[in-house]
PDB file of N, CA and C in Angstrom:
ATOM      1  N   MET A   1       6.472   5.011  26.457  1.00  0.00           N
ATOM      2  CA  MET A   1       5.835   4.728  25.196  1.00  0.00           C
ATOM      3  C   MET A   1       6.267   3.365  24.664  1.00  0.00           C
ATOM      4  N   GLN A   2       7.497   2.983  24.935  1.00  0.00           N
ATOM      5  CA  GLN A   2       8.003   1.682  24.479  1.00  0.00           C
ATOM      6  C   GLN A   2       7.162   0.544  25.052  1.00  0.00           C
ATOM      7  N   GLN A   3       6.782   0.634  26.320  1.00  0.00           N
ATOM      8  CA  GLN A   3       5.970  -0.428  26.938  1.00  0.00           C
ATOM      9  C   GLN A   3       4.597  -0.518  26.271  1.00  0.00           C
ATOM     10  N   PHE A   4       4.031   0.617  25.943  1.00  0.00           N
ATOM     11  CA  PHE A   4       2.740   0.632  25.263  1.00  0.00           C
ATOM     12  C   PHE A   4       2.833  -0.037  23.893  1.00  0.00           C
ATOM     13  N   LEU A   5       3.897   0.271  23.154  1.00  0.00           N
ATOM     14  CA  LEU A   5       4.075  -0.319  21.829  1.00  0.00           C
ATOM     15  C   LEU A   5       4.387  -1.807  21.910  1.00  0.00           C
ATOM     16  N   ILE A   6       5.093  -2.226  22.955  1.00  0.00           N
ATOM     17  CA  ILE A   6       5.395  -3.652  23.107  1.00  0.00           C
ATOM     18  C   ILE A   6       4.107  -4.446  23.272  1.00  0.00           C
ATOM     19  N   GLY A   7       3.153  -3.909  24.000  1.00  0.00           N
ATOM     20  CA  GLY A   7       1.872  -4.580  24.157  1.00  0.00           C
ATOM     21  C   GLY A   7       1.072  -4.638  22.869  1.00  0.00           C
ATOM     22  N   LEU A   8       1.291  -3.671  21.993  1.00  0.00           N
ATOM     23  CA  LEU A   8       0.569  -3.618  20.717  1.00  0.00           C
ATOM     24  C   LEU A   8       1.282  -4.349  19.581  1.00  0.00           C
ATOM     25  N   ALA A   9       2.439  -4.918  19.832  1.00  0.00           N
ATOM     26  CA  ALA A   9       3.247  -5.528  18.768  1.00  0.00           C
ATOM     27  C   ALA A   9       2.490  -6.568  17.950  1.00  0.00           C
ATOM     28  N   PRO A  10       1.766  -7.499  18.573  1.00  0.00           N
ATOM     29  CA  PRO A  10       1.045  -8.474  17.732  1.00  0.00           C
ATOM     30  C   PRO A  10      -0.018  -7.822  16.843  1.00  0.00           C
ATOM     31  N   PHE A  11      -0.705  -6.837  17.363  1.00  0.00           N
ATOM     32  CA  PHE A  11      -1.718  -6.138  16.570  1.00  0.00           C
ATOM     33  C   PHE A  11      -1.087  -5.346  15.433  1.00  0.00           C
ATOM     34  N   LEU A  12       0.053  -4.729  15.700  1.00  0.00           N
ATOM     35  CA  LEU A  12       0.757  -3.986  14.658  1.00  0.00           C
ATOM     36  C   LEU A  12       1.194  -4.915  13.532  1.00  0.00           C
ATOM     37  N   GLN A  13       1.632  -6.102  13.882  1.00  0.00           N
ATOM     38  CA  GLN A  13       2.071  -7.057  12.866  1.00  0.00           C
ATOM     39  C   GLN A  13       0.903  -7.522  12.003  1.00  0.00           C
ATOM     40  N   VAL A  14      -0.239  -7.793  12.631  1.00  0.00           N
ATOM     41  CA  VAL A  14      -1.417  -8.221  11.872  1.00  0.00           C
ATOM     42  C   VAL A  14      -1.896  -7.100  10.961  1.00  0.00           C
ATOM     43  N   ILE A  15      -1.933  -5.882  11.476  1.00  0.00           N
ATOM     44  CA  ILE A  15      -2.357  -4.747  10.663  1.00  0.00           C
ATOM     45  C   ILE A  15      -1.408  -4.538   9.489  1.00  0.00           C
ATOM     46  N   GLN A  16      -0.118  -4.702   9.718  1.00  0.00           N
ATOM     47  CA  GLN A  16       0.854  -4.522   8.646  1.00  0.00           C
ATOM     48  C   GLN A  16       0.680  -5.601   7.571  1.00  0.00           C
ATOM     49  N   ILE A  17       0.387  -6.815   7.958  1.00  0.00           N
ATOM     50  CA  ILE A  17       0.142  -7.880   6.980  1.00  0.00           C
ATOM     51  C   ILE A  17      -1.105  -7.567   6.156  1.00  0.00           C
ATOM     52  N   LEU A  18      -2.169  -7.119   6.822  1.00  0.00           N
ATOM     53  CA  LEU A  18      -3.402  -6.788   6.103  1.00  0.00           C
ATOM     54  C   LEU A  18      -3.190  -5.638   5.121  1.00  0.00           C
ATOM     55  N   ILE A  19      -2.427  -4.634   5.548  1.00  0.00           N
ATOM     56  CA  ILE A  19      -2.149  -3.496   4.661  1.00  0.00           C
ATOM     57  C   ILE A  19      -1.308  -3.949   3.470  1.00  0.00           C
ATOM     58  N   SER A  20      -0.342  -4.823   3.698  1.00  0.00           N
ATOM     59  CA  SER A  20       0.501  -5.277   2.588  1.00  0.00           C
ATOM     60  C   SER A  20      -0.309  -6.082   1.570  1.00  0.00           C
ATOM     61  N   VAL A  21      -1.253  -6.897   2.034  1.00  0.00           N
ATOM     62  CA  VAL A  21      -2.115  -7.636   1.111  1.00  0.00           C
ATOM     63  C   VAL A  21      -2.994  -6.666   0.324  1.00  0.00           C
ATOM     64  N   ALA A  22      -3.530  -5.658   1.009  1.00  0.00           N
ATOM     65  CA  ALA A  22      -4.377  -4.674   0.328  1.00  0.00           C
ATOM     66  C   ALA A  22      -3.590  -3.890  -0.713  1.00  0.00           C
ATOM     67  N   VAL A  23      -2.347  -3.535  -0.417  1.00  0.00           N
ATOM     68  CA  VAL A  23      -1.514  -2.814  -1.390  1.00  0.00           C
ATOM     69  C   VAL A  23      -1.253  -3.704  -2.607  1.00  0.00           C
ATOM     70  N   ALA A  24      -0.965  -4.966  -2.374  1.00  0.00           N
ATOM     71  CA  ALA A  24      -0.719  -5.882  -3.491  1.00  0.00           C
ATOM     72  C   ALA A  24      -1.957  -6.012  -4.374  1.00  0.00           C
ATOM     73  N   VAL A  25      -3.128  -6.118  -3.766  1.00  0.00           N
ATOM     74  CA  VAL A  25      -4.370  -6.224  -4.531  1.00  0.00           C
ATOM     75  C   VAL A  25      -4.607  -4.955  -5.341  1.00  0.00           C
ATOM     76  N   LEU A  26      -4.383  -3.801  -4.725  1.00  0.00           N
ATOM     77  CA  LEU A  26      -4.591  -2.540  -5.450  1.00  0.00           C
ATOM     78  C   LEU A  26      -3.627  -2.381  -6.613  1.00  0.00           C
ATOM     79  N   VAL A  27      -2.386  -2.824  -6.439  1.00  0.00           N
ATOM     80  CA  VAL A  27      -1.417  -2.730  -7.531  1.00  0.00           C
ATOM     81  C   VAL A  27      -1.832  -3.637  -8.687  1.00  0.00           C
ATOM     82  N   VAL A  28      -2.311  -4.832  -8.377  1.00  0.00           N
ATOM     83  CA  VAL A  28      -2.773  -5.738  -9.437  1.00  0.00           C
ATOM     84  C   VAL A  28      -3.993  -5.154 -10.140  1.00  0.00           C
ATOM     85  N   LEU A  29      -4.908  -4.563  -9.379  1.00  0.00           N
ATOM     86  CA  LEU A  29      -6.087  -3.946  -9.994  1.00  0.00           C
ATOM     87  C   LEU A  29      -5.699  -2.773 -10.882  1.00  0.00           C
ATOM     88  N   GLN A  30      -4.700  -2.018 -10.485  1.00  0.00           N
ATOM     89  CA  GLN A  30      -4.246  -0.900 -11.319  1.00  0.00           C
ATOM     90  C   GLN A  30      -3.650  -1.404 -12.617  1.00  0.00           C
ATOM     91  N   ALA A  31      -2.928  -2.508 -12.569  1.00  0.00           N
ATOM     92  CA  ALA A  31      -2.334  -3.061 -13.789  1.00  0.00           C
ATOM     93  C   ALA A  31      -3.417  -3.533 -14.746  1.00  0.00           C
ATOM     94  N   ARG A  32      -4.509  -4.038 -14.214  1.00  0.00           N
ATOM     95  CA  ARG A  32      -5.593  -4.515 -15.070  1.00  0.00           C
ATOM     96  C   ARG A  32      -6.371  -3.370 -15.701  1.00  0.00           C
ATOM     97  N   THR A  33      -6.463  -2.234 -15.012  1.00  0.00           N
ATOM     98  CA  THR A  33      -7.207  -1.107 -15.577  1.00  0.00           C
ATOM     99  C   THR A  33      -6.336  -0.255 -16.489  1.00  0.00           C
ATOM    100  N   GLY A  34      -5.118  -0.696 -16.765  1.00  0.00           N
ATOM    101  CA  GLY A  34      -4.215   0.052 -17.628  1.00  0.00           C
ATOM    102  C   GLY A  34      -4.677   0.113 -19.069  1.00  0.00           C
ATOM    103  N   GLY A  35      -5.573  -0.743 -19.436  1.00  0.00           N
ATOM    104  CA  GLY A  35      -6.094  -0.721 -20.798  1.00  0.00           C
ATOM    105  C   GLY A  35      -5.456  -1.795 -21.652  1.00  0.00           C
ATOM    106  N   LEU A  36      -6.247  -2.363 -22.529  1.00  0.00           N
ATOM    107  CA  LEU A  36      -5.746  -3.419 -23.395  1.00  0.00           C
ATOM    108  C   LEU A  36      -5.032  -2.866 -24.612  1.00  0.00           C
ATOM    109  N   GLY A  37      -5.233  -1.597 -24.916  1.00  0.00           N
ATOM    110  CA  GLY A  37      -4.604  -1.018 -26.094  1.00  0.00           C
ATOM    111  C   GLY A  37      -3.092  -1.053 -26.034  1.00  0.00           C
ATOM    112  N   SER A  38      -2.525  -0.759 -24.892  1.00  0.00           N
ATOM    113  CA  SER A  38      -1.070  -0.770 -24.772  1.00  0.00           C
ATOM    114  C   SER A  38      -0.523  -2.189 -24.768  1.00  0.00           C
ATOM    115  N   MET A  39      -1.351  -3.161 -24.379  1.00  0.00           N
ATOM    116  CA  MET A  39      -0.897  -4.537 -24.344  1.00  0.00           C
ATOM    117  C   MET A  39      -0.713  -5.087 -25.756  1.00  0.00           C
ATOM    118  N   PHE A  40      -1.537  -4.651 -26.696  1.00  0.00           N
ATOM    119  CA  PHE A  40      -1.489  -5.167 -28.048  1.00  0.00           C
ATOM    120  C   PHE A  40      -0.859  -4.186 -29.027  1.00  0.00           C
ATOM    121  N   GLY A  41       0.063  -3.395 -28.559  1.00  0.00           N
ATOM    122  CA  GLY A  41       0.821  -2.529 -29.435  1.00  0.00           C
ATOM    123  C   GLY A  41       0.243  -1.149 -29.642  1.00  0.00           C
ATOM    124  N   GLY A  42      -0.742  -0.772 -28.847  1.00  0.00           N
ATOM    125  CA  GLY A  42      -1.308   0.565 -28.971  1.00  0.00           C
ATOM    126  C   GLY A  42      -0.338   1.610 -28.460  1.00  0.00           C
ATOM    127  N   ASP A  43      -0.565   2.842 -28.828  1.00  0.00           N
ATOM    128  CA  ASP A  43       0.310   3.925 -28.399  1.00  0.00           C
ATOM    129  C   ASP A  43       0.006   4.272 -26.954  1.00  0.00           C
ATOM    130  N   SER A  44       0.959   3.986 -26.063  1.00  0.00           N
ATOM    131  CA  SER A  44       0.750   4.257 -24.646  1.00  0.00           C
ATOM    132  C   SER A  44       1.452   5.534 -24.201  1.00  0.00           C
ATOM    133  N   SER A  45       2.039   6.278 -25.142  1.00  0.00           N
ATOM    134  CA  SER A  45       2.759   7.491 -24.764  1.00  0.00           C
ATOM    135  C   SER A  45       1.828   8.692 -24.626  1.00  0.00           C
ATOM    136  N   LEU A  46       0.571   8.509 -24.922  1.00  0.00           N
ATOM    137  CA  LEU A  46      -0.399   9.591 -24.818  1.00  0.00           C
ATOM    138  C   LEU A  46      -0.695   9.867 -23.343  1.00  0.00           C
ATOM    139  N   TYR A  47      -0.613  11.124 -22.967  1.00  0.00           N
ATOM    140  CA  TYR A  47      -0.890  11.493 -21.569  1.00  0.00           C
ATOM    141  C   TYR A  47      -2.391  11.612 -21.378  1.00  0.00           C
ATOM    142  N   ARG A  48      -2.859  11.000 -20.316  1.00  0.00           N
ATOM    143  CA  ARG A  48      -4.270  11.135 -19.989  1.00  0.00           C
ATOM    144  C   ARG A  48      -4.401  11.213 -18.473  1.00  0.00           C
ATOM    145  N   THR A  49      -5.458  11.830 -18.034  1.00  0.00           N
ATOM    146  CA  THR A  49      -5.665  11.973 -16.599  1.00  0.00           C
ATOM    147  C   THR A  49      -6.440  10.783 -16.065  1.00  0.00           C
ATOM    148  N   ARG A  50      -6.214  10.510 -14.801  1.00  0.00           N
ATOM    149  CA  ARG A  50      -6.962   9.436 -14.147  1.00  0.00           C
ATOM    150  C   ARG A  50      -8.319   9.981 -13.727  1.00  0.00           C
ATOM    151  N   ARG A  51      -9.331   9.168 -13.923  1.00  0.00           N
ATOM    152  CA  ARG A  51     -10.679   9.569 -13.541  1.00  0.00           C
ATOM    153  C   ARG A  51     -11.400   8.394 -12.923  1.00  0.00           C
ATOM    154  N   GLY A  52     -12.355   8.708 -12.083  1.00  0.00           N
ATOM    155  CA  GLY A  52     -13.242   7.697 -11.531  1.00  0.00           C
ATOM    156  C   GLY A  52     -12.531   6.652 -10.694  1.00  0.00           C
ATOM    157  N   LEU A  53     -12.798   5.390 -11.025  1.00  0.00           N
ATOM    158  CA  LEU A  53     -12.257   4.277 -10.255  1.00  0.00           C
ATOM    159  C   LEU A  53     -10.734   4.221 -10.335  1.00  0.00           C
ATOM    160  N   GLU A  54     -10.184   4.540 -11.485  1.00  0.00           N
ATOM    161  CA  GLU A  54      -8.736   4.520 -11.652  1.00  0.00           C
ATOM    162  C   GLU A  54      -8.058   5.519 -10.705  1.00  0.00           C
ATOM    163  N   LYS A  55      -8.631   6.694 -10.560  1.00  0.00           N
ATOM    164  CA  LYS A  55      -8.083   7.702  -9.660  1.00  0.00           C
ATOM    165  C   LYS A  55      -8.225   7.254  -8.206  1.00  0.00           C
ATOM    166  N   THR A  56      -9.361   6.647  -7.878  1.00  0.00           N
ATOM    167  CA  THR A  56      -9.578   6.159  -6.519  1.00  0.00           C
ATOM    168  C   THR A  56      -8.577   5.067  -6.165  1.00  0.00           C
ATOM    169  N   LEU A  57      -8.340   4.135  -7.080  1.00  0.00           N
ATOM    170  CA  LEU A  57      -7.358   3.077  -6.843  1.00  0.00           C
ATOM    171  C   LEU A  57      -5.958   3.658  -6.655  1.00  0.00           C
ATOM    172  N   TYR A  58      -5.627   4.642  -7.466  1.00  0.00           N
ATOM    173  CA  TYR A  58      -4.316   5.286  -7.382  1.00  0.00           C
ATOM    174  C   TYR A  58      -4.122   5.967  -6.025  1.00  0.00           C
ATOM    175  N   GLU A  59      -5.109   6.727  -5.611  1.00  0.00           N
ATOM    176  CA  GLU A  59      -5.003   7.438  -4.330  1.00  0.00           C
ATOM    177  C   GLU A  59      -5.029   6.472  -3.148  1.00  0.00           C
ATOM    178  N   ALA A  60      -5.821   5.413  -3.235  1.00  0.00           N
ATOM    179  CA  ALA A  60      -5.859   4.417  -2.158  1.00  0.00           C
ATOM    180  C   ALA A  60      -4.516   3.698  -2.052  1.00  0.00           C
ATOM    181  N   THR A  61      -3.877   3.435  -3.175  1.00  0.00           N
ATOM    182  CA  THR A  61      -2.565   2.781  -3.151  1.00  0.00           C
ATOM    183  C   THR A  61      -1.535   3.668  -2.461  1.00  0.00           C
ATOM    184  N   ILE A  62      -1.567   4.951  -2.755  1.00  0.00           N
ATOM    185  CA  ILE A  62      -0.634   5.880  -2.112  1.00  0.00           C
ATOM    186  C   ILE A  62      -0.902   5.936  -0.608  1.00  0.00           C
ATOM    187  N   GLY A  63      -2.171   6.050  -0.228  1.00  0.00           N
ATOM    188  CA  GLY A  63      -2.523   6.121   1.188  1.00  0.00           C
ATOM    189  C   GLY A  63      -2.123   4.868   1.950  1.00  0.00           C
ATOM    190  N   LEU A  64      -2.388   3.704   1.370  1.00  0.00           N
ATOM    191  CA  LEU A  64      -2.010   2.463   2.039  1.00  0.00           C
ATOM    192  C   LEU A  64      -0.498   2.272   2.067  1.00  0.00           C
ATOM    193  N   GLY A  65       0.192   2.770   1.052  1.00  0.00           N
ATOM    194  CA  GLY A  65       1.654   2.708   1.070  1.00  0.00           C
ATOM    195  C   GLY A  65       2.236   3.532   2.204  1.00  0.00           C
ATOM    196  N   ILE A  66       1.686   4.703   2.419  1.00  0.00           N
ATOM    197  CA  ILE A  66       2.128   5.546   3.536  1.00  0.00           C
ATOM    198  C   ILE A  66       1.788   4.881   4.869  1.00  0.00           C
ATOM    199  N   ALA A  67       0.593   4.305   4.965  1.00  0.00           N
ATOM    200  CA  ALA A  67       0.200   3.610   6.195  1.00  0.00           C
ATOM    201  C   ALA A  67       1.120   2.429   6.459  1.00  0.00           C
ATOM    202  N   PHE A  68       1.521   1.715   5.404  1.00  0.00           N
ATOM    203  CA  PHE A  68       2.434   0.582   5.569  1.00  0.00           C
ATOM    204  C   PHE A  68       3.765   1.036   6.160  1.00  0.00           C
ATOM    205  N   VAL A  69       4.298   2.134   5.657  1.00  0.00           N
ATOM    206  CA  VAL A  69       5.578   2.645   6.171  1.00  0.00           C
ATOM    207  C   VAL A  69       5.443   3.062   7.634  1.00  0.00           C
ATOM    208  N   VAL A  70       4.342   3.728   7.983  1.00  0.00           N
ATOM    209  CA  VAL A  70       4.121   4.161   9.363  1.00  0.00           C
ATOM    210  C   VAL A  70       4.030   2.951  10.289  1.00  0.00           C
ATOM    211  N   PHE A  71       3.250   1.939   9.896  1.00  0.00           N
ATOM    212  CA  PHE A  71       3.119   0.754  10.738  1.00  0.00           C
ATOM    213  C   PHE A  71       4.415  -0.042  10.799  1.00  0.00           C
ATOM    214  N   ALA A  72       5.208  -0.034   9.736  1.00  0.00           N
ATOM    215  CA  ALA A  72       6.511  -0.698   9.780  1.00  0.00           C
ATOM    216  C   ALA A  72       7.425  -0.009  10.794  1.00  0.00           C
ATOM    217  N   PHE A  73       7.401   1.317  10.792  1.00  0.00           N
ATOM    218  CA  PHE A  73       8.212   2.065  11.758  1.00  0.00           C
ATOM    219  C   PHE A  73       7.762   1.776  13.192  1.00  0.00           C
ATOM    220  N   LEU A  74       6.445   1.787  13.422  1.00  0.00           N
ATOM    221  CA  LEU A  74       5.932   1.473  14.760  1.00  0.00           C
ATOM    222  C   LEU A  74       6.255   0.047  15.165  1.00  0.00           C
ATOM    223  N   ASN A  75       6.219  -0.863  14.205  1.00  0.00           N
ATOM    224  CA  ASN A  75       6.542  -2.256  14.488  1.00  0.00           C
ATOM    225  C   ASN A  75       8.004  -2.415  14.881  1.00  0.00           C
ATOM    226  N   VAL A  76       8.880  -1.677  14.232  1.00  0.00           N
ATOM    227  CA  VAL A  76      10.299  -1.717  14.601  1.00  0.00           C
ATOM    228  C   VAL A  76      10.499  -1.171  16.009  1.00  0.00           C
ATOM    229  N   LEU A  77       9.822  -0.084  16.328  1.00  0.00           N
ATOM    230  CA  LEU A  77       9.923   0.471  17.679  1.00  0.00           C
ATOM    231  C   LEU A  77       9.394  -0.487  18.736  1.00  0.00           C
ATOM    232  N   ALA A  78       8.352  -1.241  18.394  1.00  0.00           N
ATOM    233  CA  ALA A  78       7.728  -2.137  19.353  1.00  0.00           C
ATOM    234  C   ALA A  78       8.520  -3.414  19.569  1.00  0.00           C
ATOM    235  N   THR A  79       9.286  -3.841  18.575  1.00  0.00           N
ATOM    236  CA  THR A  79       9.973  -5.129  18.683  1.00  0.00           C
ATOM    237  C   THR A  79      11.475  -5.022  18.942  1.00  0.00           C
ATOM    238  N   ARG A  80      12.006  -3.820  18.939  1.00  0.00           N
ATOM    239  CA  ARG A  80      13.445  -3.722  19.203  1.00  0.00           C
ATOM    240  C   ARG A  80      13.702  -3.922  20.697  1.00  0.00           C
ATOM    241  N   PRO A  81      14.838  -4.511  21.019  1.00  0.00           N
ATOM    242  CA  PRO A  81      15.143  -4.748  22.435  1.00  0.00           C
ATOM    243  C   PRO A  81      15.479  -3.432  23.150  1.00  0.00           C
ATOM    244  N   ALA A  82      15.028  -3.325  24.373  1.00  0.00           N
ATOM    245  CA  ALA A  82      15.321  -2.128  25.178  1.00  0.00           C
ATOM    246  C   ALA A  82      16.746  -2.246  25.718  1.00  0.00           C
ATOM    247  N   PHE A  83      17.476  -1.169  25.618  1.00  0.00           N
ATOM    248  CA  PHE A  83      18.861  -1.183  26.109  1.00  0.00           C
ATOM    249  C   PHE A  83      18.931  -0.615  27.484  1.00  0.00           C
TER     250      PHE A  83
END
């Protein structure tokens, strides 16, 4: 399996970079959809549920975060020296 992963190392690195950029974009988009009320002194302690696009962004961020960790682990396996 190590030989197979060594051949995929460049692809794993590119995929990991793309996932990291996508996670950064999703985090910035989530910060923007947080609402302007809390920015200008509104009460942000009120609990509310995520709906629609906000929920989709939240779930996509979690999914891409998990994918990033998986690809990071595979990348470590692919690039470590064989003993």
